[in-house]
């Protein structure tokens, strides 16, 4: 289920980037271009979140006896450090 929300976040980020880029192309507003580029950070965070949630959903094995559930918090940390 969390992966579904991460995919939705990716779709929303792509749509946001497209709309802001379209606004920039229509108006020439550098502020919209800057905002579209900044939205790329949100897209990257959503992609990393999906990756980590996918890894975290894997069951424990001999190499990872405690499983990988703790990986799901890493994207939030990375995004916080990016800002």
PDB file of N, CA and C in Angstrom:
ATOM      1  N   UNK A   1       0.807  -1.205   0.000  1.00  0.00           N
ATOM      2  CA  UNK A   1       0.000   0.000   0.000  1.00  0.00           C
ATOM      3  C   UNK A   1       0.850   1.270   0.000  1.00  0.00           C
ATOM      4  N   UNK A   2       1.909   1.354   0.834  1.00  0.00           N
ATOM      5  CA  UNK A   2       2.724   2.578   0.800  1.00  0.00           C
ATOM      6  C   UNK A   2       3.361   2.814  -0.576  1.00  0.00           C
ATOM      7  N   UNK A   3       3.659   1.732  -1.279  1.00  0.00           N
ATOM      8  CA  UNK A   3       4.243   1.888  -2.613  1.00  0.00           C
ATOM      9  C   UNK A   3       3.260   2.558  -3.559  1.00  0.00           C
ATOM     10  N   UNK A   4       1.997   2.320  -3.350  1.00  0.00           N
ATOM     11  CA  UNK A   4       0.971   2.956  -4.174  1.00  0.00           C
ATOM     12  C   UNK A   4       1.015   4.480  -3.994  1.00  0.00           C
ATOM     13  N   UNK A   5       1.189   4.914  -2.751  1.00  0.00           N
ATOM     14  CA  UNK A   5       1.267   6.349  -2.473  1.00  0.00           C
ATOM     15  C   UNK A   5       2.542   6.957  -3.041  1.00  0.00           C
ATOM     16  N   UNK A   6       3.619   6.198  -3.013  1.00  0.00           N
ATOM     17  CA  UNK A   6       4.870   6.688  -3.592  1.00  0.00           C
ATOM     18  C   UNK A   6       4.720   6.853  -5.102  1.00  0.00           C
ATOM     19  N   UNK A   7       4.041   5.918  -5.751  1.00  0.00           N
ATOM     20  CA  UNK A   7       3.795   6.048  -7.202  1.00  0.00           C
ATOM     21  C   UNK A   7       2.906   7.259  -7.486  1.00  0.00           C
ATOM     22  N   UNK A   8       1.934   7.489  -6.627  1.00  0.00           N
ATOM     23  CA  UNK A   8       1.076   8.667  -6.773  1.00  0.00           C
ATOM     24  C   UNK A   8       1.898   9.951  -6.596  1.00  0.00           C
ATOM     25  N   UNK A   9       2.834   9.948  -5.658  1.00  0.00           N
ATOM     26  CA  UNK A   9       3.699  11.111  -5.451  1.00  0.00           C
ATOM     27  C   UNK A   9       4.579  11.356  -6.677  1.00  0.00           C
ATOM     28  N   UNK A  10       5.060  10.297  -7.303  1.00  0.00           N
ATOM     29  CA  UNK A  10       5.859  10.438  -8.527  1.00  0.00           C
ATOM     30  C   UNK A  10       5.018  11.056  -9.631  1.00  0.00           C
ATOM     31  N   UNK A  11       3.807  10.549  -9.804  1.00  0.00           N
ATOM     32  CA  UNK A  11       2.918  11.092 -10.834  1.00  0.00           C
ATOM     33  C   UNK A  11       2.599  12.565 -10.562  1.00  0.00           C
ATOM     34  N   UNK A  12       2.335  12.901  -9.313  1.00  0.00           N
ATOM     35  CA  UNK A  12       2.032  14.291  -8.956  1.00  0.00           C
ATOM     36  C   UNK A  12       3.237  15.192  -9.202  1.00  0.00           C
ATOM     37  N   UNK A  13       4.435  14.708  -8.890  1.00  0.00           N
ATOM     38  CA  UNK A  13       5.646  15.508  -9.111  1.00  0.00           C
ATOM     39  C   UNK A  13       5.883  15.741 -10.594  1.00  0.00           C
ATOM     40  N   UNK A  14       5.691  14.704 -11.407  1.00  0.00           N
ATOM     41  CA  UNK A  14       5.865  14.858 -12.853  1.00  0.00           C
ATOM     42  C   UNK A  14       4.838  15.843 -13.402  1.00  0.00           C
ATOM     43  N   UNK A  15       3.598  15.702 -12.984  1.00  0.00           N
ATOM     44  CA  UNK A  15       2.553  16.618 -13.445  1.00  0.00           C
ATOM     45  C   UNK A  15       2.861  18.051 -13.033  1.00  0.00           C
ATOM     46  N   UNK A  16       3.321  18.231 -11.812  1.00  0.00           N
ATOM     47  CA  UNK A  16       3.670  19.565 -11.324  1.00  0.00           C
ATOM     48  C   UNK A  16       4.796  20.172 -12.155  1.00  0.00           C
ATOM     49  N   UNK A  17       5.819  19.371 -12.432  1.00  0.00           N
ATOM     50  CA  UNK A  17       6.932  19.858 -13.248  1.00  0.00           C
ATOM     51  C   UNK A  17       6.441  20.248 -14.639  1.00  0.00           C
ATOM     52  N   UNK A  18       5.600  19.421 -15.230  1.00  0.00           N
ATOM     53  CA  UNK A  18       5.079  19.720 -16.567  1.00  0.00           C
ATOM     54  C   UNK A  18       4.248  21.002 -16.574  1.00  0.00           C
ATOM     55  N   UNK A  19       3.390  21.169 -15.579  1.00  0.00           N
ATOM     56  CA  UNK A  19       2.555  22.368 -15.515  1.00  0.00           C
ATOM     57  C   UNK A  19       3.386  23.630 -15.301  1.00  0.00           C
ATOM     58  N   UNK A  20       4.356  23.552 -14.416  1.00  0.00           N
ATOM     59  CA  UNK A  20       5.196  24.718 -14.152  1.00  0.00           C
ATOM     60  C   UNK A  20       6.077  25.047 -15.349  1.00  0.00           C
ATOM     61  N   UNK A  21       6.581  24.017 -16.019  1.00  0.00           N
ATOM     62  CA  UNK A  21       7.381  24.247 -17.220  1.00  0.00           C
ATOM     63  C   UNK A  21       6.513  24.847 -18.323  1.00  0.00           C
ATOM     64  N   UNK A  22       5.297  24.344 -18.451  1.00  0.00           N
ATOM     65  CA  UNK A  22       4.366  24.911 -19.427  1.00  0.00           C
ATOM     66  C   UNK A  22       4.054  26.367 -19.119  1.00  0.00           C
ATOM     67  N   UNK A  23       3.872  26.667 -17.851  1.00  0.00           N
ATOM     68  CA  UNK A  23       3.640  28.052 -17.444  1.00  0.00           C
ATOM     69  C   UNK A  23       4.825  28.936 -17.781  1.00  0.00           C
ATOM     70  N   UNK A  24       6.023  28.407 -17.576  1.00  0.00           N
ATOM     71  CA  UNK A  24       7.224  29.164 -17.931  1.00  0.00           C
ATOM     72  C   UNK A  24       7.275  29.421 -19.434  1.00  0.00           C
ATOM     73  N   UNK A  25       6.985  28.389 -20.227  1.00  0.00           N
ATOM     74  CA  UNK A  25       7.032  28.548 -21.689  1.00  0.00           C
ATOM     75  C   UNK A  25       5.984  29.545 -22.187  1.00  0.00           C
ATOM     76  N   UNK A  26       4.835  29.583 -21.522  1.00  0.00           N
ATOM     77  CA  UNK A  26       3.782  30.524 -21.920  1.00  0.00           C
ATOM     78  C   UNK A  26       4.070  31.957 -21.484  1.00  0.00           C
ATOM     79  N   UNK A  27       4.656  32.105 -20.314  1.00  0.00           N
ATOM     80  CA  UNK A  27       4.813  33.448 -19.751  1.00  0.00           C
ATOM     81  C   UNK A  27       6.246  33.961 -19.740  1.00  0.00           C
ATOM     82  N   UNK A  28       7.207  33.059 -19.823  1.00  0.00           N
ATOM     83  CA  UNK A  28       8.593  33.466 -19.733  1.00  0.00           C
ATOM     84  C   UNK A  28       9.021  33.796 -18.311  1.00  0.00           C
ATOM     85  N   UNK A  29       8.212  33.444 -17.334  1.00  0.00           N
ATOM     86  CA  UNK A  29       8.496  33.748 -15.935  1.00  0.00           C
ATOM     87  C   UNK A  29       9.622  32.852 -15.409  1.00  0.00           C
ATOM     88  N   UNK A  30      10.721  33.486 -15.039  1.00  0.00           N
ATOM     89  CA  UNK A  30      11.849  32.739 -14.497  1.00  0.00           C
ATOM     90  C   UNK A  30      11.477  32.120 -13.147  1.00  0.00           C
ATOM     91  N   UNK A  31      10.559  32.736 -12.430  1.00  0.00           N
ATOM     92  CA  UNK A  31      10.112  32.187 -11.149  1.00  0.00           C
ATOM     93  C   UNK A  31       9.453  30.824 -11.358  1.00  0.00           C
ATOM     94  N   UNK A  32       8.652  30.683 -12.414  1.00  0.00           N
ATOM     95  CA  UNK A  32       8.025  29.393 -12.696  1.00  0.00           C
ATOM     96  C   UNK A  32       9.069  28.361 -13.106  1.00  0.00           C
ATOM     97  N   UNK A  33      10.060  28.784 -13.871  1.00  0.00           N
ATOM     98  CA  UNK A  33      11.125  27.860 -14.256  1.00  0.00           C
ATOM     99  C   UNK A  33      11.889  27.400 -13.021  1.00  0.00           C
ATOM    100  N   UNK A  34      12.221  28.329 -12.154  1.00  0.00           N
ATOM    101  CA  UNK A  34      12.920  27.994 -10.915  1.00  0.00           C
ATOM    102  C   UNK A  34      12.098  27.030 -10.067  1.00  0.00           C
ATOM    103  N   UNK A  35      10.814  27.283  -9.981  1.00  0.00           N
ATOM    104  CA  UNK A  35       9.931  26.417  -9.201  1.00  0.00           C
ATOM    105  C   UNK A  35       9.844  25.024  -9.834  1.00  0.00           C
ATOM    106  N   UNK A  36       9.810  24.965 -11.164  1.00  0.00           N
ATOM    107  CA  UNK A  36       9.770  23.669 -11.851  1.00  0.00           C
ATOM    108  C   UNK A  36      11.045  22.883 -11.568  1.00  0.00           C
ATOM    109  N   UNK A  37      12.180  23.564 -11.594  1.00  0.00           N
ATOM    110  CA  UNK A  37      13.444  22.882 -11.312  1.00  0.00           C
ATOM    111  C   UNK A  37      13.495  22.403  -9.861  1.00  0.00           C
ATOM    112  N   UNK A  38      12.986  23.216  -8.949  1.00  0.00           N
ATOM    113  CA  UNK A  38      12.948  22.828  -7.535  1.00  0.00           C
ATOM    114  C   UNK A  38      12.034  21.623  -7.332  1.00  0.00           C
ATOM    115  N   UNK A  39      11.000  21.528  -8.141  1.00  0.00           N
ATOM    116  CA  UNK A  39      10.096  20.382  -8.041  1.00  0.00           C
ATOM    117  C   UNK A  39      10.797  19.079  -8.416  1.00  0.00           C
ATOM    118  N   UNK A  40      11.912  19.197  -9.117  1.00  0.00           N
ATOM    119  CA  UNK A  40      12.712  18.013  -9.429  1.00  0.00           C
ATOM    120  C   UNK A  40      13.220  17.329  -8.175  1.00  0.00           C
ATOM    121  N   UNK A  41      13.470  18.100  -7.119  1.00  0.00           N
ATOM    122  CA  UNK A  41      13.882  17.524  -5.836  1.00  0.00           C
ATOM    123  C   UNK A  41      12.758  16.661  -5.277  1.00  0.00           C
ATOM    124  N   UNK A  42      11.528  17.141  -5.424  1.00  0.00           N
ATOM    125  CA  UNK A  42      10.384  16.349  -4.958  1.00  0.00           C
ATOM    126  C   UNK A  42      10.254  15.060  -5.757  1.00  0.00           C
ATOM    127  N   UNK A  43      10.499  15.146  -7.053  1.00  0.00           N
ATOM    128  CA  UNK A  43      10.440  13.945  -7.889  1.00  0.00           C
ATOM    129  C   UNK A  43      11.521  12.960  -7.469  1.00  0.00           C
ATOM    130  N   UNK A  44      12.722  13.450  -7.270  1.00  0.00           N
ATOM    131  CA  UNK A  44      13.811  12.575  -6.837  1.00  0.00           C
ATOM    132  C   UNK A  44      13.491  11.926  -5.492  1.00  0.00           C
ATOM    133  N   UNK A  45      12.939  12.701  -4.577  1.00  0.00           N
ATOM    134  CA  UNK A  45      12.579  12.159  -3.258  1.00  0.00           C
ATOM    135  C   UNK A  45      11.506  11.077  -3.392  1.00  0.00           C
ATOM    136  N   UNK A  46      10.543  11.282  -4.269  1.00  0.00           N
ATOM    137  CA  UNK A  46       9.484  10.287  -4.448  1.00  0.00           C
ATOM    138  C   UNK A  46      10.030   9.007  -5.073  1.00  0.00           C
ATOM    139  N   UNK A  47      10.962   9.142  -6.013  1.00  0.00           N
ATOM    140  CA  UNK A  47      11.563   7.960  -6.637  1.00  0.00           C
ATOM    141  C   UNK A  47      12.383   7.185  -5.613  1.00  0.00           C
ATOM    142  N   UNK A  48      13.166   7.890  -4.808  1.00  0.00           N
ATOM    143  CA  UNK A  48      13.957   7.227  -3.767  1.00  0.00           C
ATOM    144  C   UNK A  48      13.033   6.581  -2.736  1.00  0.00           C
ATOM    145  N   UNK A  49      11.942   7.250  -2.395  1.00  0.00           N
ATOM    146  CA  UNK A  49      10.983   6.680  -1.446  1.00  0.00           C
ATOM    147  C   UNK A  49      10.399   5.376  -1.983  1.00  0.00           C
ATOM    148  N   UNK A  50      10.027   5.360  -3.258  1.00  0.00           N
ATOM    149  CA  UNK A  50       9.498   4.131  -3.849  1.00  0.00           C
ATOM    150  C   UNK A  50      10.542   3.026  -3.809  1.00  0.00           C
ATOM    151  N   UNK A  51      11.769   3.365  -4.122  1.00  0.00           N
ATOM    152  CA  UNK A  51      12.866   2.387  -4.097  1.00  0.00           C
ATOM    153  C   UNK A  51      13.051   1.822  -2.688  1.00  0.00           C
ATOM    154  N   UNK A  52      13.097   2.701  -1.693  1.00  0.00           N
ATOM    155  CA  UNK A  52      13.297   2.247  -0.317  1.00  0.00           C
ATOM    156  C   UNK A  52      12.102   1.445   0.198  1.00  0.00           C
ATOM    157  N   UNK A  53      10.891   1.863  -0.146  1.00  0.00           N
ATOM    158  CA  UNK A  53       9.705   1.112   0.282  1.00  0.00           C
ATOM    159  C   UNK A  53       9.682  -0.270  -0.349  1.00  0.00           C
ATOM    160  N   UNK A  54      10.128  -0.359  -1.592  1.00  0.00           N
ATOM    161  CA  UNK A  54      10.198  -1.658  -2.266  1.00  0.00           C
ATOM    162  C   UNK A  54      11.216  -2.553  -1.572  1.00  0.00           C
ATOM    163  N   UNK A  55      12.379  -1.989  -1.242  1.00  0.00           N
ATOM    164  CA  UNK A  55      13.381  -2.772  -0.517  1.00  0.00           C
ATOM    165  C   UNK A  55      12.896  -3.149   0.880  1.00  0.00           C
ATOM    166  N   UNK A  56      12.235  -2.222   1.550  1.00  0.00           N
ATOM    167  CA  UNK A  56      11.771  -2.464   2.916  1.00  0.00           C
ATOM    168  C   UNK A  56      10.694  -3.548   2.974  1.00  0.00           C
ATOM    169  N   UNK A  57       9.993  -3.754   1.890  1.00  0.00           N
ATOM    170  CA  UNK A  57       8.921  -4.751   1.863  1.00  0.00           C
ATOM    171  C   UNK A  57       9.454  -6.179   1.732  1.00  0.00           C
ATOM    172  N   UNK A  58      10.733  -6.313   1.421  1.00  0.00           N
ATOM    173  CA  UNK A  58      11.304  -7.647   1.262  1.00  0.00           C
ATOM    174  C   UNK A  58      11.444  -8.321   2.631  1.00  0.00           C
ATOM    175  N   UNK A  59      11.202  -9.619   2.689  1.00  0.00           N
ATOM    176  CA  UNK A  59      11.317 -10.328   3.965  1.00  0.00           C
ATOM    177  C   UNK A  59      12.784 -10.507   4.381  1.00  0.00           C
ATOM    178  N   UNK A  60      12.978 -10.842   5.636  1.00  0.00           N
ATOM    179  CA  UNK A  60      14.323 -11.092   6.146  1.00  0.00           C
ATOM    180  C   UNK A  60      14.926 -12.309   5.455  1.00  0.00           C
ATOM    181  N   UNK A  61      16.259 -12.279   5.324  1.00  0.00           N
ATOM    182  CA  UNK A  61      16.965 -13.426   4.776  1.00  0.00           C
ATOM    183  C   UNK A  61      18.263 -13.597   5.561  1.00  0.00           C
ATOM    184  N   UNK A  62      19.112 -14.517   5.139  1.00  0.00           N
ATOM    185  CA  UNK A  62      20.355 -14.787   5.876  1.00  0.00           C
ATOM    186  C   UNK A  62      21.274 -13.575   5.907  1.00  0.00           C
ATOM    187  N   UNK A  63      21.291 -12.805   4.835  1.00  0.00           N
ATOM    188  CA  UNK A  63      22.162 -11.634   4.764  1.00  0.00           C
ATOM    189  C   UNK A  63      21.610 -10.442   5.548  1.00  0.00           C
ATOM    190  N   UNK A  64      20.296 -10.388   5.676  1.00  0.00           N
ATOM    191  CA  UNK A  64      19.630  -9.287   6.377  1.00  0.00           C
ATOM    192  C   UNK A  64      18.659  -9.862   7.420  1.00  0.00           C
ATOM    193  N   UNK A  65      19.175 -10.356   8.548  1.00  0.00           N
ATOM    194  CA  UNK A  65      18.309 -11.028   9.528  1.00  0.00           C
ATOM    195  C   UNK A  65      17.267 -10.114  10.158  1.00  0.00           C
ATOM    196  N   UNK A  66      17.512  -8.829  10.184  1.00  0.00           N
ATOM    197  CA  UNK A  66      16.530  -7.902  10.747  1.00  0.00           C
ATOM    198  C   UNK A  66      15.647  -7.304   9.658  1.00  0.00           C
ATOM    199  N   UNK A  67      15.726  -7.885   8.485  1.00  0.00           N
ATOM    200  CA  UNK A  67      14.987  -7.419   7.305  1.00  0.00           C
ATOM    201  C   UNK A  67      15.495  -6.038   6.899  1.00  0.00           C
ATOM    202  N   UNK A  68      14.717  -5.334   6.139  1.00  0.00           N
ATOM    203  CA  UNK A  68      15.144  -4.036   5.627  1.00  0.00           C
ATOM    204  C   UNK A  68      14.104  -2.965   5.919  1.00  0.00           C
ATOM    205  N   UNK A  69      13.258  -3.176   6.901  1.00  0.00           N
ATOM    206  CA  UNK A  69      12.159  -2.249   7.193  1.00  0.00           C
ATOM    207  C   UNK A  69      12.651  -0.853   7.546  1.00  0.00           C
ATOM    208  N   UNK A  70      13.822  -0.746   8.153  1.00  0.00           N
ATOM    209  CA  UNK A  70      14.316   0.571   8.548  1.00  0.00           C
ATOM    210  C   UNK A  70      14.701   1.441   7.349  1.00  0.00           C
ATOM    211  N   UNK A  71      14.813   0.864   6.177  1.00  0.00           N
ATOM    212  CA  UNK A  71      15.162   1.644   4.987  1.00  0.00           C
ATOM    213  C   UNK A  71      14.087   2.651   4.608  1.00  0.00           C
ATOM    214  N   UNK A  72      12.862   2.417   5.019  1.00  0.00           N
ATOM    215  CA  UNK A  72      11.764   3.275   4.589  1.00  0.00           C
ATOM    216  C   UNK A  72      11.864   4.699   5.118  1.00  0.00           C
ATOM    217  N   UNK A  73      12.678   4.937   6.157  1.00  0.00           N
ATOM    218  CA  UNK A  73      12.810   6.298   6.693  1.00  0.00           C
ATOM    219  C   UNK A  73      13.910   7.095   6.004  1.00  0.00           C
ATOM    220  N   UNK A  74      14.767   6.454   5.230  1.00  0.00           N
ATOM    221  CA  UNK A  74      15.895   7.148   4.617  1.00  0.00           C
ATOM    222  C   UNK A  74      15.508   8.266   3.645  1.00  0.00           C
ATOM    223  N   UNK A  75      14.495   8.093   2.803  1.00  0.00           N
ATOM    224  CA  UNK A  75      14.162   9.192   1.876  1.00  0.00           C
ATOM    225  C   UNK A  75      13.817  10.499   2.593  1.00  0.00           C
ATOM    226  N   UNK A  76      13.126  10.418   3.709  1.00  0.00           N
ATOM    227  CA  UNK A  76      12.785  11.628   4.454  1.00  0.00           C
ATOM    228  C   UNK A  76      14.048  12.302   4.975  1.00  0.00           C
ATOM    229  N   UNK A  77      14.974  11.513   5.438  1.00  0.00           N
ATOM    230  CA  UNK A  77      16.241  12.068   5.917  1.00  0.00           C
ATOM    231  C   UNK A  77      17.006  12.731   4.793  1.00  0.00           C
ATOM    232  N   UNK A  78      17.096  12.050   3.644  1.00  0.00           N
ATOM    233  CA  UNK A  78      17.844  12.595   2.507  1.00  0.00           C
ATOM    234  C   UNK A  78      17.209  13.897   2.007  1.00  0.00           C
ATOM    235  N   UNK A  79      15.889  13.933   1.958  1.00  0.00           N
ATOM    236  CA  UNK A  79      15.235  15.155   1.490  1.00  0.00           C
ATOM    237  C   UNK A  79      15.465  16.297   2.482  1.00  0.00           C
ATOM    238  N   UNK A  80      15.434  15.979   3.763  1.00  0.00           N
ATOM    239  CA  UNK A  80      15.716  16.998   4.773  1.00  0.00           C
ATOM    240  C   UNK A  80      17.129  17.538   4.654  1.00  0.00           C
ATOM    241  N   UNK A  81      18.069  16.663   4.344  1.00  0.00           N
ATOM    242  CA  UNK A  81      19.449  17.100   4.181  1.00  0.00           C
ATOM    243  C   UNK A  81      19.643  17.898   2.893  1.00  0.00           C
ATOM    244  N   UNK A  82      18.824  17.636   1.890  1.00  0.00           N
ATOM    245  CA  UNK A  82      18.936  18.351   0.616  1.00  0.00           C
ATOM    246  C   UNK A  82      18.547  19.814   0.769  1.00  0.00           C
ATOM    247  N   UNK A  83      17.664  20.085   1.720  1.00  0.00           N
ATOM    248  CA  UNK A  83      17.235  21.470   1.926  1.00  0.00           C
ATOM    249  C   UNK A  83      18.087  22.091   2.983  1.00  0.00           C
TER     250      UNK A  83
END
